């Protein structure tokens, strides 16, 4: 088999192109794995809070399409619950982000902001 210099160059270019594409794919895979690991580490830190938030929702809130509650009422209830179980309630902003992640729809009125789809269970009068 007699290869010309042009043939050799075309083969080299094709191999180089394939190597370049594969290297790019591997780089993306590595970056994805690193990002997933970082998210996992962050998730582990907030896991007790998210578990407690879900428990708070189960114990202290009612859910339903017809319910709406102002953020200040929700956060006050959450803060009280978090303190009772020995957790830092975090900020109002972080609370709101968590509620959105849990798929509660934010709303806004002239009186303030809140979330649709739940309400704090009214406490019995003392």
PDB file of N, CA and C in Angstrom:
ATOM      1  N   UNK A   1       0.852  -1.176   0.000  1.00  0.00           N
ATOM      2  CA  UNK A   1       0.000   0.000   0.000  1.00  0.00           C
ATOM      3  C   UNK A   1       0.894   1.234   0.000  1.00  0.00           C
ATOM      4  N   UNK A   2       0.714   2.005  -0.977  1.00  0.00           N
ATOM      5  CA  UNK A   2       1.507   3.219  -1.128  1.00  0.00           C
ATOM      6  C   UNK A   2       0.641   4.417  -0.753  1.00  0.00           C
ATOM      7  N   UNK A   3       1.053   5.118   0.269  1.00  0.00           N
ATOM      8  CA  UNK A   3       0.324   6.296   0.712  1.00  0.00           C
ATOM      9  C   UNK A   3       1.111   7.544   0.345  1.00  0.00           C
ATOM     10  N   UNK A   4       0.378   8.477  -0.154  1.00  0.00           N
ATOM     11  CA  UNK A   4       1.019   9.750  -0.465  1.00  0.00           C
ATOM     12  C   UNK A   4       1.057  10.598   0.796  1.00  0.00           C
ATOM     13  N   UNK A   5       1.794  11.638   0.714  1.00  0.00           N
ATOM     14  CA  UNK A   5       1.872  12.560   1.844  1.00  0.00           C
ATOM     15  C   UNK A   5       0.500  13.149   2.144  1.00  0.00           C
ATOM     16  N   UNK A   6      -0.303  13.402   1.122  1.00  0.00           N
ATOM     17  CA  UNK A   6      -1.656  13.928   1.298  1.00  0.00           C
ATOM     18  C   UNK A   6      -2.538  12.905   2.018  1.00  0.00           C
ATOM     19  N   UNK A   7      -2.431  11.627   1.656  1.00  0.00           N
ATOM     20  CA  UNK A   7      -3.205  10.581   2.309  1.00  0.00           C
ATOM     21  C   UNK A   7      -2.878  10.512   3.803  1.00  0.00           C
ATOM     22  N   UNK A   8      -1.596  10.550   4.075  1.00  0.00           N
ATOM     23  CA  UNK A   8      -1.146  10.492   5.472  1.00  0.00           C
ATOM     24  C   UNK A   8      -1.674  11.698   6.243  1.00  0.00           C
ATOM     25  N   UNK A   9      -1.641  12.867   5.625  1.00  0.00           N
ATOM     26  CA  UNK A   9      -2.134  14.084   6.280  1.00  0.00           C
ATOM     27  C   UNK A   9      -3.639  13.996   6.534  1.00  0.00           C
ATOM     28  N   UNK A  10      -4.419  13.463   5.572  1.00  0.00           N
ATOM     29  CA  UNK A  10      -5.865  13.314   5.747  1.00  0.00           C
ATOM     30  C   UNK A  10      -6.176  12.341   6.884  1.00  0.00           C
ATOM     31  N   UNK A  11      -5.436  11.246   6.941  1.00  0.00           N
ATOM     32  CA  UNK A  11      -5.636  10.271   8.018  1.00  0.00           C
ATOM     33  C   UNK A  11      -5.294  10.904   9.359  1.00  0.00           C
ATOM     34  N   UNK A  12      -4.190  11.608   9.414  1.00  0.00           N
ATOM     35  CA  UNK A  12      -3.768  12.269  10.654  1.00  0.00           C
ATOM     36  C   UNK A  12      -4.807  13.297  11.083  1.00  0.00           C
ATOM     37  N   UNK A  13      -5.333  14.063  10.146  1.00  0.00           N
ATOM     38  CA  UNK A  13      -6.356  15.060  10.461  1.00  0.00           C
ATOM     39  C   UNK A  13      -7.631  14.403  11.001  1.00  0.00           C
ATOM     40  N   UNK A  14      -8.036  13.292  10.383  1.00  0.00           N
ATOM     41  CA  UNK A  14      -9.241  12.584  10.824  1.00  0.00           C
ATOM     42  C   UNK A  14      -9.062  12.028  12.237  1.00  0.00           C
ATOM     43  N   UNK A  15      -7.896  11.427  12.491  1.00  0.00           N
ATOM     44  CA  UNK A  15      -7.619  10.881  13.824  1.00  0.00           C
ATOM     45  C   UNK A  15      -7.577  12.013  14.842  1.00  0.00           C
ATOM     46  N   UNK A  16      -6.914  13.083  14.522  1.00  0.00           N
ATOM     47  CA  UNK A  16      -6.811  14.233  15.419  1.00  0.00           C
ATOM     48  C   UNK A  16      -8.203  14.793  15.720  1.00  0.00           C
ATOM     49  N   UNK A  17      -9.049  14.871  14.702  1.00  0.00           N
ATOM     50  CA  UNK A  17     -10.406  15.393  14.873  1.00  0.00           C
ATOM     51  C   UNK A  17     -11.202  14.502  15.826  1.00  0.00           C
ATOM     52  N   UNK A  18     -11.093  13.184  15.649  1.00  0.00           N
ATOM     53  CA  UNK A  18     -11.803  12.256  16.537  1.00  0.00           C
ATOM     54  C   UNK A  18     -11.288  12.362  17.969  1.00  0.00           C
ATOM     55  N   UNK A  19      -9.982  12.471  18.116  1.00  0.00           N
ATOM     56  CA  UNK A  19      -9.392  12.600  19.448  1.00  0.00           C
ATOM     57  C   UNK A  19      -9.869  13.896  20.095  1.00  0.00           C
ATOM     58  N   UNK A  20      -9.903  14.955  19.326  1.00  0.00           N
ATOM     59  CA  UNK A  20     -10.339  16.252  19.838  1.00  0.00           C
ATOM     60  C   UNK A  20     -11.798  16.200  20.306  1.00  0.00           C
ATOM     61  N   UNK A  21     -12.672  15.558  19.526  1.00  0.00           N
ATOM     62  CA  UNK A  21     -14.083  15.431  19.884  1.00  0.00           C
ATOM     63  C   UNK A  21     -14.218  14.600  21.164  1.00  0.00           C
ATOM     64  N   UNK A  22     -13.498  13.480  21.212  1.00  0.00           N
ATOM     65  CA  UNK A  22     -13.575  12.609  22.394  1.00  0.00           C
ATOM     66  C   UNK A  22     -13.057  13.337  23.642  1.00  0.00           C
ATOM     67  N   UNK A  23     -12.004  14.099  23.494  1.00  0.00           N
ATOM     68  CA  UNK A  23     -11.458  14.865  24.611  1.00  0.00           C
ATOM     69  C   UNK A  23     -12.480  15.883  25.111  1.00  0.00           C
ATOM     70  N   UNK A  24     -13.172  16.524  24.192  1.00  0.00           N
ATOM     71  CA  UNK A  24     -14.211  17.487  24.578  1.00  0.00           C
ATOM     72  C   UNK A  24     -15.345  16.775  25.318  1.00  0.00           C
ATOM     73  N   UNK A  25     -15.751  15.591  24.836  1.00  0.00           N
ATOM     74  CA  UNK A  25     -16.804  14.824  25.506  1.00  0.00           C
ATOM     75  C   UNK A  25     -16.376  14.429  26.915  1.00  0.00           C
ATOM     76  N   UNK A  26     -15.135  13.969  27.053  1.00  0.00           N
ATOM     77  CA  UNK A  26     -14.633  13.588  28.374  1.00  0.00           C
ATOM     78  C   UNK A  26     -14.572  14.781  29.322  1.00  0.00           C
ATOM     79  N   UNK A  27     -14.175  15.923  28.805  1.00  0.00           N
ATOM     80  CA  UNK A  27     -14.103  17.134  29.621  1.00  0.00           C
ATOM     81  C   UNK A  27     -15.489  17.497  30.151  1.00  0.00           C
ATOM     82  N   UNK A  28     -16.500  17.422  29.283  1.00  0.00           N
ATOM     83  CA  UNK A  28     -17.868  17.722  29.706  1.00  0.00           C
ATOM     84  C   UNK A  28     -18.316  16.712  30.760  1.00  0.00           C
ATOM     85  N   UNK A  29     -18.020  15.428  30.552  1.00  0.00           N
ATOM     86  CA  UNK A  29     -18.400  14.401  31.525  1.00  0.00           C
ATOM     87  C   UNK A  29     -17.738  14.640  32.874  1.00  0.00           C
ATOM     88  N   UNK A  30     -16.482  14.993  32.857  1.00  0.00           N
ATOM     89  CA  UNK A  30     -15.753  15.257  34.107  1.00  0.00           C
ATOM     90  C   UNK A  30     -16.349  16.468  34.809  1.00  0.00           C
ATOM     91  N   UNK A  31     -16.633  17.536  34.061  1.00  0.00           N
ATOM     92  CA  UNK A  31     -17.215  18.738  34.664  1.00  0.00           C
ATOM     93  C   UNK A  31     -18.607  18.439  35.242  1.00  0.00           C
ATOM     94  N   UNK A  32     -19.404  17.631  34.531  1.00  0.00           N
ATOM     95  CA  UNK A  32     -20.716  17.247  35.053  1.00  0.00           C
ATOM     96  C   UNK A  32     -20.578  16.479  36.365  1.00  0.00           C
ATOM     97  N   UNK A  33     -19.630  15.550  36.411  1.00  0.00           N
ATOM     98  CA  UNK A  33     -19.412  14.763  37.627  1.00  0.00           C
ATOM     99  C   UNK A  33     -18.975  15.655  38.784  1.00  0.00           C
ATOM    100  N   UNK A  34     -18.096  16.604  38.505  1.00  0.00           N
ATOM    101  CA  UNK A  34     -17.645  17.527  39.549  1.00  0.00           C
ATOM    102  C   UNK A  34     -18.818  18.355  40.063  1.00  0.00           C
ATOM    103  N   UNK A  35     -19.650  18.868  39.155  1.00  0.00           N
ATOM    104  CA  UNK A  35     -20.799  19.675  39.566  1.00  0.00           C
ATOM    105  C   UNK A  35     -21.802  18.856  40.372  1.00  0.00           C
ATOM    106  N   UNK A  36     -22.039  17.604  39.968  1.00  0.00           N
ATOM    107  CA  UNK A  36     -22.948  16.745  40.725  1.00  0.00           C
ATOM    108  C   UNK A  36     -22.400  16.493  42.126  1.00  0.00           C
ATOM    109  N   UNK A  37     -21.104  16.274  42.224  1.00  0.00           N
ATOM    110  CA  UNK A  37     -20.476  16.044  43.528  1.00  0.00           C
ATOM    111  C   UNK A  37     -20.622  17.281  44.416  1.00  0.00           C
ATOM    112  N   UNK A  38     -20.395  18.444  43.839  1.00  0.00           N
ATOM    113  CA  UNK A  38     -20.536  19.685  44.611  1.00  0.00           C
ATOM    114  C   UNK A  38     -21.969  19.866  45.079  1.00  0.00           C
ATOM    115  N   UNK A  39     -22.935  19.600  44.187  1.00  0.00           N
ATOM    116  CA  UNK A  39     -24.338  19.727  44.569  1.00  0.00           C
ATOM    117  C   UNK A  39     -24.686  18.726  45.653  1.00  0.00           C
ATOM    118  N   UNK A  40     -24.129  17.529  45.559  1.00  0.00           N
ATOM    119  CA  UNK A  40     -24.363  16.514  46.575  1.00  0.00           C
ATOM    120  C   UNK A  40     -23.831  16.933  47.925  1.00  0.00           C
ATOM    121  N   UNK A  41     -22.657  17.552  47.927  1.00  0.00           N
ATOM    122  CA  UNK A  41     -22.083  18.023  49.190  1.00  0.00           C
ATOM    123  C   UNK A  41     -22.955  19.102  49.799  1.00  0.00           C
ATOM    124  N   UNK A  42     -23.420  20.008  48.976  1.00  0.00           N
ATOM    125  CA  UNK A  42     -24.291  21.072  49.477  1.00  0.00           C
ATOM    126  C   UNK A  42     -25.617  20.489  49.949  1.00  0.00           C
ATOM    127  N   UNK A  43     -26.113  19.496  49.203  1.00  0.00           N
ATOM    128  CA  UNK A  43     -27.368  18.853  49.580  1.00  0.00           C
ATOM    129  C   UNK A  43     -27.262  18.178  50.932  1.00  0.00           C
ATOM    130  N   UNK A  44     -26.120  17.581  51.231  1.00  0.00           N
ATOM    131  CA  UNK A  44     -25.937  16.908  52.511  1.00  0.00           C
ATOM    132  C   UNK A  44     -26.012  17.889  53.660  1.00  0.00           C
ATOM    133  N   UNK A  45     -25.493  19.093  53.447  1.00  0.00           N
ATOM    134  CA  UNK A  45     -25.513  20.103  54.505  1.00  0.00           C
ATOM    135  C   UNK A  45     -26.938  20.548  54.792  1.00  0.00           C
ATOM    136  N   UNK A  46     -27.739  20.719  53.769  1.00  0.00           N
ATOM    137  CA  UNK A  46     -29.088  21.228  53.963  1.00  0.00           C
ATOM    138  C   UNK A  46     -30.112  20.118  54.176  1.00  0.00           C
ATOM    139  N   UNK A  47     -29.701  18.864  54.099  1.00  0.00           N
ATOM    140  CA  UNK A  47     -30.639  17.759  54.235  1.00  0.00           C
ATOM    141  C   UNK A  47     -31.429  17.802  55.537  1.00  0.00           C
ATOM    142  N   UNK A  48     -30.781  18.018  56.703  1.00  0.00           N
ATOM    143  CA  UNK A  48     -31.582  18.077  57.934  1.00  0.00           C
ATOM    144  C   UNK A  48     -32.638  19.181  57.891  1.00  0.00           C
ATOM    145  N   UNK A  49     -32.291  20.310  57.284  1.00  0.00           N
ATOM    146  CA  UNK A  49     -33.250  21.411  57.188  1.00  0.00           C
ATOM    147  C   UNK A  49     -34.389  21.037  56.259  1.00  0.00           C
ATOM    148  N   UNK A  50     -34.083  20.450  55.103  1.00  0.00           N
ATOM    149  CA  UNK A  50     -35.154  20.106  54.165  1.00  0.00           C
ATOM    150  C   UNK A  50     -36.037  19.001  54.732  1.00  0.00           C
ATOM    151  N   UNK A  51     -35.442  18.047  55.461  1.00  0.00           N
ATOM    152  CA  UNK A  51     -36.247  17.014  56.117  1.00  0.00           C
ATOM    153  C   UNK A  51     -37.154  17.645  57.168  1.00  0.00           C
ATOM    154  N   UNK A  52     -36.590  18.557  57.942  1.00  0.00           N
ATOM    155  CA  UNK A  52     -37.375  19.237  58.975  1.00  0.00           C
ATOM    156  C   UNK A  52     -38.462  20.102  58.347  1.00  0.00           C
ATOM    157  N   UNK A  53     -38.156  20.737  57.220  1.00  0.00           N
ATOM    158  CA  UNK A  53     -39.154  21.561  56.540  1.00  0.00           C
ATOM    159  C   UNK A  53     -40.326  20.695  56.079  1.00  0.00           C
ATOM    160  N   UNK A  54     -40.020  19.543  55.536  1.00  0.00           N
ATOM    161  CA  UNK A  54     -41.093  18.624  55.119  1.00  0.00           C
ATOM    162  C   UNK A  54     -41.900  18.152  56.337  1.00  0.00           C
ATOM    163  N   UNK A  55     -41.217  17.895  57.445  1.00  0.00           N
ATOM    164  CA  UNK A  55     -41.906  17.472  58.660  1.00  0.00           C
ATOM    165  C   UNK A  55     -42.790  18.602  59.184  1.00  0.00           C
ATOM    166  N   UNK A  56     -42.277  19.833  59.137  1.00  0.00           N
ATOM    167  CA  UNK A  56     -43.072  21.003  59.526  1.00  0.00           C
ATOM    168  C   UNK A  56     -44.329  21.099  58.674  1.00  0.00           C
ATOM    169  N   UNK A  57     -44.161  20.918  57.369  1.00  0.00           N
ATOM    170  CA  UNK A  57     -45.311  20.967  56.468  1.00  0.00           C
ATOM    171  C   UNK A  57     -46.348  19.914  56.860  1.00  0.00           C
ATOM    172  N   UNK A  58     -45.872  18.713  57.194  1.00  0.00           N
ATOM    173  CA  UNK A  58     -46.787  17.622  57.550  1.00  0.00           C
ATOM    174  C   UNK A  58     -47.501  17.880  58.880  1.00  0.00           C
ATOM    175  N   UNK A  59     -46.780  18.472  59.832  1.00  0.00           N
ATOM    176  CA  UNK A  59     -47.331  18.654  61.175  1.00  0.00           C
ATOM    177  C   UNK A  59     -48.074  19.964  61.379  1.00  0.00           C
ATOM    178  N   UNK A  60     -47.603  21.008  60.743  1.00  0.00           N
ATOM    179  CA  UNK A  60     -48.125  22.338  61.069  1.00  0.00           C
ATOM    180  C   UNK A  60     -48.893  23.020  59.942  1.00  0.00           C
ATOM    181  N   UNK A  61     -48.985  22.368  58.778  1.00  0.00           N
ATOM    182  CA  UNK A  61     -49.651  23.006  57.642  1.00  0.00           C
ATOM    183  C   UNK A  61     -50.683  22.080  57.017  1.00  0.00           C
ATOM    184  N   UNK A  62     -51.633  22.713  56.355  1.00  0.00           N
ATOM    185  CA  UNK A  62     -52.588  21.991  55.525  1.00  0.00           C
ATOM    186  C   UNK A  62     -52.293  22.387  54.087  1.00  0.00           C
ATOM    187  N   UNK A  63     -52.425  21.447  53.189  1.00  0.00           N
ATOM    188  CA  UNK A  63     -52.206  21.752  51.781  1.00  0.00           C
ATOM    189  C   UNK A  63     -53.511  21.579  51.022  1.00  0.00           C
ATOM    190  N   UNK A  64     -53.647  22.339  49.980  1.00  0.00           N
ATOM    191  CA  UNK A  64     -54.826  22.283  49.131  1.00  0.00           C
ATOM    192  C   UNK A  64     -54.813  23.444  48.171  1.00  0.00           C
ATOM    193  N   UNK A  65     -55.402  23.239  47.023  1.00  0.00           N
ATOM    194  CA  UNK A  65     -55.406  24.273  45.987  1.00  0.00           C
ATOM    195  C   UNK A  65     -56.048  25.574  46.447  1.00  0.00           C
ATOM    196  N   UNK A  66     -57.008  25.495  47.347  1.00  0.00           N
ATOM    197  CA  UNK A  66     -57.755  26.686  47.749  1.00  0.00           C
ATOM    198  C   UNK A  66     -57.080  27.466  48.885  1.00  0.00           C
ATOM    199  N   UNK A  67     -55.976  26.947  49.435  1.00  0.00           N
ATOM    200  CA  UNK A  67     -55.300  27.643  50.532  1.00  0.00           C
ATOM    201  C   UNK A  67     -54.268  28.640  50.007  1.00  0.00           C
ATOM    202  N   UNK A  68     -54.137  29.733  50.754  1.00  0.00           N
ATOM    203  CA  UNK A  68     -53.096  30.742  50.512  1.00  0.00           C
ATOM    204  C   UNK A  68     -52.659  31.249  51.871  1.00  0.00           C
ATOM    205  N   UNK A  69     -51.367  31.495  52.012  1.00  0.00           N
ATOM    206  CA  UNK A  69     -50.863  32.001  53.289  1.00  0.00           C
ATOM    207  C   UNK A  69     -49.768  33.012  53.025  1.00  0.00           C
ATOM    208  N   UNK A  70     -49.744  34.042  53.833  1.00  0.00           N
ATOM    209  CA  UNK A  70     -48.716  35.062  53.703  1.00  0.00           C
ATOM    210  C   UNK A  70     -47.380  34.500  54.178  1.00  0.00           C
ATOM    211  N   UNK A  71     -46.309  34.931  53.535  1.00  0.00           N
ATOM    212  CA  UNK A  71     -44.966  34.446  53.874  1.00  0.00           C
ATOM    213  C   UNK A  71     -44.612  34.707  55.333  1.00  0.00           C
ATOM    214  N   UNK A  72     -45.023  35.859  55.866  1.00  0.00           N
ATOM    215  CA  UNK A  72     -44.669  36.181  57.258  1.00  0.00           C
ATOM    216  C   UNK A  72     -45.281  35.162  58.223  1.00  0.00           C
ATOM    217  N   UNK A  73     -46.497  34.710  57.933  1.00  0.00           N
ATOM    218  CA  UNK A  73     -47.142  33.701  58.789  1.00  0.00           C
ATOM    219  C   UNK A  73     -46.451  32.349  58.645  1.00  0.00           C
ATOM    220  N   UNK A  74     -46.143  31.985  57.421  1.00  0.00           N
ATOM    221  CA  UNK A  74     -45.462  30.713  57.182  1.00  0.00           C
ATOM    222  C   UNK A  74     -44.091  30.694  57.840  1.00  0.00           C
ATOM    223  N   UNK A  75     -43.330  31.768  57.639  1.00  0.00           N
ATOM    224  CA  UNK A  75     -41.977  31.790  58.183  1.00  0.00           C
ATOM    225  C   UNK A  75     -41.988  31.827  59.710  1.00  0.00           C
ATOM    226  N   UNK A  76     -42.930  32.541  60.291  1.00  0.00           N
ATOM    227  CA  UNK A  76     -43.012  32.579  61.761  1.00  0.00           C
ATOM    228  C   UNK A  76     -43.275  31.172  62.306  1.00  0.00           C
ATOM    229  N   UNK A  77     -44.162  30.449  61.669  1.00  0.00           N
ATOM    230  CA  UNK A  77     -44.454  29.085  62.092  1.00  0.00           C
ATOM    231  C   UNK A  77     -43.236  28.184  61.892  1.00  0.00           C
ATOM    232  N   UNK A  78     -42.572  28.322  60.747  1.00  0.00           N
ATOM    233  CA  UNK A  78     -41.376  27.527  60.457  1.00  0.00           C
ATOM    234  C   UNK A  78     -40.257  27.843  61.459  1.00  0.00           C
ATOM    235  N   UNK A  79     -40.056  29.112  61.742  1.00  0.00           N
ATOM    236  CA  UNK A  79     -38.998  29.513  62.676  1.00  0.00           C
ATOM    237  C   UNK A  79     -39.258  28.913  64.055  1.00  0.00           C
ATOM    238  N   UNK A  80     -40.492  28.965  64.503  1.00  0.00           N
ATOM    239  CA  UNK A  80     -40.855  28.389  65.795  1.00  0.00           C
ATOM    240  C   UNK A  80     -40.598  26.876  65.801  1.00  0.00           C
ATOM    241  N   UNK A  81     -40.981  26.204  64.723  1.00  0.00           N
ATOM    242  CA  UNK A  81     -40.783  24.756  64.622  1.00  0.00           C
ATOM    243  C   UNK A  81     -39.293  24.410  64.588  1.00  0.00           C
ATOM    244  N   UNK A  82     -38.537  25.117  63.762  1.00  0.00           N
ATOM    245  CA  UNK A  82     -37.097  24.851  63.633  1.00  0.00           C
ATOM    246  C   UNK A  82     -36.404  25.017  64.987  1.00  0.00           C
ATOM    247  N   UNK A  83     -36.762  26.069  65.709  1.00  0.00           N
ATOM    248  CA  UNK A  83     -36.163  26.298  67.030  1.00  0.00           C
ATOM    249  C   UNK A  83     -36.493  25.141  67.973  1.00  0.00           C
ATOM    250  N   UNK A  84     -37.726  24.664  67.907  1.00  0.00           N
ATOM    251  CA  UNK A  84     -38.157  23.575  68.784  1.00  0.00           C
ATOM    252  C   UNK A  84     -37.401  22.267  68.511  1.00  0.00           C
ATOM    253  N   UNK A  85     -36.983  22.060  67.252  1.00  0.00           N
ATOM    254  CA  UNK A  85     -36.249  20.829  66.919  1.00  0.00           C
ATOM    255  C   UNK A  85     -34.741  21.061  66.873  1.00  0.00           C
ATOM    256  N   UNK A  86     -34.312  22.247  67.282  1.00  0.00           N
ATOM    257  CA  UNK A  86     -32.885  22.523  67.390  1.00  0.00           C
ATOM    258  C   UNK A  86     -32.176  22.872  66.099  1.00  0.00           C
ATOM    259  N   UNK A  87     -32.898  23.445  65.156  1.00  0.00           N
ATOM    260  CA  UNK A  87     -32.296  23.852  63.884  1.00  0.00           C
ATOM    261  C   UNK A  87     -32.375  25.353  63.707  1.00  0.00           C
ATOM    262  N   UNK A  88     -31.460  25.868  62.901  1.00  0.00           N
ATOM    263  CA  UNK A  88     -31.504  27.278  62.504  1.00  0.00           C
ATOM    264  C   UNK A  88     -32.524  27.394  61.376  1.00  0.00           C
ATOM    265  N   UNK A  89     -33.473  28.269  61.516  1.00  0.00           N
ATOM    266  CA  UNK A  89     -34.526  28.425  60.507  1.00  0.00           C
ATOM    267  C   UNK A  89     -34.001  29.020  59.212  1.00  0.00           C
ATOM    268  N   UNK A  90     -32.856  29.653  59.245  1.00  0.00           N
ATOM    269  CA  UNK A  90     -32.319  30.286  58.055  1.00  0.00           C
ATOM    270  C   UNK A  90     -32.996  31.619  57.795  1.00  0.00           C
ATOM    271  N   UNK A  91     -32.761  32.137  56.611  1.00  0.00           N
ATOM    272  CA  UNK A  91     -33.308  33.447  56.253  1.00  0.00           C
ATOM    273  C   UNK A  91     -34.669  33.306  55.583  1.00  0.00           C
ATOM    274  N   UNK A  92     -35.391  34.406  55.535  1.00  0.00           N
ATOM    275  CA  UNK A  92     -36.675  34.437  54.840  1.00  0.00           C
ATOM    276  C   UNK A  92     -36.457  34.101  53.360  1.00  0.00           C
ATOM    277  N   UNK A  93     -35.388  34.627  52.801  1.00  0.00           N
ATOM    278  CA  UNK A  93     -35.091  34.364  51.389  1.00  0.00           C
ATOM    279  C   UNK A  93     -34.856  32.867  51.143  1.00  0.00           C
ATOM    280  N   UNK A  94     -34.047  32.227  51.979  1.00  0.00           N
ATOM    281  CA  UNK A  94     -33.784  30.795  51.823  1.00  0.00           C
ATOM    282  C   UNK A  94     -35.066  29.984  52.007  1.00  0.00           C
ATOM    283  N   UNK A  95     -35.910  30.427  52.946  1.00  0.00           N
ATOM    284  CA  UNK A  95     -37.198  29.765  53.165  1.00  0.00           C
ATOM    285  C   UNK A  95     -38.049  29.834  51.896  1.00  0.00           C
ATOM    286  N   UNK A  96     -38.110  31.020  51.311  1.00  0.00           N
ATOM    287  CA  UNK A  96     -38.888  31.195  50.079  1.00  0.00           C
ATOM    288  C   UNK A  96     -38.373  30.322  48.945  1.00  0.00           C
ATOM    289  N   UNK A  97     -37.056  30.231  48.818  1.00  0.00           N
ATOM    290  CA  UNK A  97     -36.468  29.374  47.780  1.00  0.00           C
ATOM    291  C   UNK A  97     -36.837  27.915  48.020  1.00  0.00           C
ATOM    292  N   UNK A  98     -36.794  27.496  49.273  1.00  0.00           N
ATOM    293  CA  UNK A  98     -37.169  26.119  49.609  1.00  0.00           C
ATOM    294  C   UNK A  98     -38.632  25.856  49.282  1.00  0.00           C
ATOM    295  N   UNK A  99     -39.488  26.812  49.563  1.00  0.00           N
ATOM    296  CA  UNK A  99     -40.912  26.635  49.266  1.00  0.00           C
ATOM    297  C   UNK A  99     -41.148  26.516  47.757  1.00  0.00           C
ATOM    298  N   UNK A 100     -40.414  27.308  46.980  1.00  0.00           N
ATOM    299  CA  UNK A 100     -40.537  27.212  45.525  1.00  0.00           C
ATOM    300  C   UNK A 100     -40.034  25.855  45.031  1.00  0.00           C
ATOM    301  N   UNK A 101     -38.935  25.368  45.619  1.00  0.00           N
ATOM    302  CA  UNK A 101     -38.425  24.052  45.242  1.00  0.00           C
ATOM    303  C   UNK A 101     -39.426  22.954  45.563  1.00  0.00           C
ATOM    304  N   UNK A 102     -40.215  23.169  46.596  1.00  0.00           N
ATOM    305  CA  UNK A 102     -41.251  22.209  46.962  1.00  0.00           C
ATOM    306  C   UNK A 102     -42.523  22.409  46.141  1.00  0.00           C
ATOM    307  N   UNK A 103     -42.439  23.280  45.143  1.00  0.00           N
ATOM    308  CA  UNK A 103     -43.498  23.514  44.154  1.00  0.00           C
ATOM    309  C   UNK A 103     -44.702  24.303  44.662  1.00  0.00           C
ATOM    310  N   UNK A 104     -44.516  25.076  45.742  1.00  0.00           N
ATOM    311  CA  UNK A 104     -45.576  25.983  46.151  1.00  0.00           C
ATOM    312  C   UNK A 104     -45.447  27.261  45.335  1.00  0.00           C
ATOM    313  N   UNK A 105     -46.563  27.759  44.867  1.00  0.00           N
ATOM    314  CA  UNK A 105     -46.571  28.916  43.966  1.00  0.00           C
ATOM    315  C   UNK A 105     -46.567  30.224  44.752  1.00  0.00           C
ATOM    316  N   UNK A 106     -45.561  31.075  44.491  1.00  0.00           N
ATOM    317  CA  UNK A 106     -45.544  32.373  45.169  1.00  0.00           C
ATOM    318  C   UNK A 106     -46.611  33.299  44.593  1.00  0.00           C
ATOM    319  N   UNK A 107     -47.114  34.183  45.436  1.00  0.00           N
ATOM    320  CA  UNK A 107     -48.040  35.221  44.965  1.00  0.00           C
ATOM    321  C   UNK A 107     -47.686  36.529  45.665  1.00  0.00           C
ATOM    322  N   UNK A 108     -48.231  37.603  45.128  1.00  0.00           N
ATOM    323  CA  UNK A 108     -47.956  38.927  45.683  1.00  0.00           C
ATOM    324  C   UNK A 108     -49.253  39.723  45.679  1.00  0.00           C
ATOM    325  N   UNK A 109     -49.494  40.416  46.786  1.00  0.00           N
ATOM    326  CA  UNK A 109     -50.653  41.309  46.882  1.00  0.00           C
ATOM    327  C   UNK A 109     -50.167  42.652  47.407  1.00  0.00           C
ATOM    328  N   UNK A 110     -51.098  43.569  47.572  1.00  0.00           N
ATOM    329  CA  UNK A 110     -50.732  44.858  48.170  1.00  0.00           C
ATOM    330  C   UNK A 110     -50.282  44.692  49.611  1.00  0.00           C
ATOM    331  N   UNK A 111     -50.738  43.624  50.255  1.00  0.00           N
ATOM    332  CA  UNK A 111     -50.413  43.386  51.670  1.00  0.00           C
ATOM    333  C   UNK A 111     -49.134  42.603  51.876  1.00  0.00           C
ATOM    334  N   UNK A 112     -48.528  42.132  50.806  1.00  0.00           N
ATOM    335  CA  UNK A 112     -47.295  41.376  50.938  1.00  0.00           C
ATOM    336  C   UNK A 112     -47.241  40.168  50.032  1.00  0.00           C
ATOM    337  N   UNK A 113     -46.303  39.285  50.335  1.00  0.00           N
ATOM    338  CA  UNK A 113     -46.093  38.093  49.532  1.00  0.00           C
ATOM    339  C   UNK A 113     -46.524  36.855  50.307  1.00  0.00           C
ATOM    340  N   UNK A 114     -46.731  35.788  49.550  1.00  0.00           N
ATOM    341  CA  UNK A 114     -47.104  34.538  50.191  1.00  0.00           C
ATOM    342  C   UNK A 114     -46.982  33.379  49.234  1.00  0.00           C
ATOM    343  N   UNK A 115     -47.551  32.258  49.640  1.00  0.00           N
ATOM    344  CA  UNK A 115     -47.530  31.052  48.816  1.00  0.00           C
ATOM    345  C   UNK A 115     -48.924  30.461  48.756  1.00  0.00           C
ATOM    346  N   UNK A 116     -49.263  29.996  47.575  1.00  0.00           N
ATOM    347  CA  UNK A 116     -50.539  29.327  47.361  1.00  0.00           C
ATOM    348  C   UNK A 116     -50.341  27.830  47.509  1.00  0.00           C
ATOM    349  N   UNK A 117     -51.410  27.175  47.952  1.00  0.00           N
ATOM    350  CA  UNK A 117     -51.386  25.727  48.054  1.00  0.00           C
ATOM    351  C   UNK A 117     -51.208  25.193  49.462  1.00  0.00           C
ATOM    352  N   UNK A 118     -51.110  26.107  50.428  1.00  0.00           N
ATOM    353  CA  UNK A 118     -50.977  25.665  51.821  1.00  0.00           C
ATOM    354  C   UNK A 118     -51.381  26.782  52.767  1.00  0.00           C
ATOM    355  N   UNK A 119     -51.565  26.391  54.023  1.00  0.00           N
ATOM    356  CA  UNK A 119     -51.792  27.361  55.093  1.00  0.00           C
ATOM    357  C   UNK A 119     -51.294  26.746  56.390  1.00  0.00           C
ATOM    358  N   UNK A 120     -50.969  27.602  57.337  1.00  0.00           N
ATOM    359  CA  UNK A 120     -50.592  27.146  58.666  1.00  0.00           C
ATOM    360  C   UNK A 120     -51.873  26.695  59.356  1.00  0.00           C
ATOM    361  N   UNK A 121     -51.816  25.523  59.986  1.00  0.00           N
ATOM    362  CA  UNK A 121     -52.990  25.043  60.722  1.00  0.00           C
ATOM    363  C   UNK A 121     -53.234  26.003  61.887  1.00  0.00           C
ATOM    364  N   UNK A 122     -54.445  26.546  61.957  1.00  0.00           N
ATOM    365  CA  UNK A 122     -54.732  27.486  63.038  1.00  0.00           C
ATOM    366  C   UNK A 122     -54.573  26.797  64.404  1.00  0.00           C
ATOM    367  N   UNK A 123     -53.918  27.498  65.317  1.00  0.00           N
ATOM    368  CA  UNK A 123     -53.763  26.938  66.663  1.00  0.00           C
ATOM    369  C   UNK A 123     -55.048  27.161  67.444  1.00  0.00           C
ATOM    370  N   UNK A 124     -55.314  26.252  68.358  1.00  0.00           N
ATOM    371  CA  UNK A 124     -56.530  26.366  69.154  1.00  0.00           C
ATOM    372  C   UNK A 124     -56.356  27.483  70.178  1.00  0.00           C
ATOM    373  N   UNK A 125     -57.408  28.231  70.438  1.00  0.00           N
ATOM    374  CA  UNK A 125     -57.330  29.291  71.460  1.00  0.00           C
ATOM    375  C   UNK A 125     -57.038  28.689  72.821  1.00  0.00           C
ATOM    376  N   UNK A 126     -56.249  29.431  73.624  1.00  0.00           N
ATOM    377  CA  UNK A 126     -55.900  28.942  74.965  1.00  0.00           C
ATOM    378  C   UNK A 126     -56.919  29.353  75.986  1.00  0.00           C
TER     379      UNK A 126
END
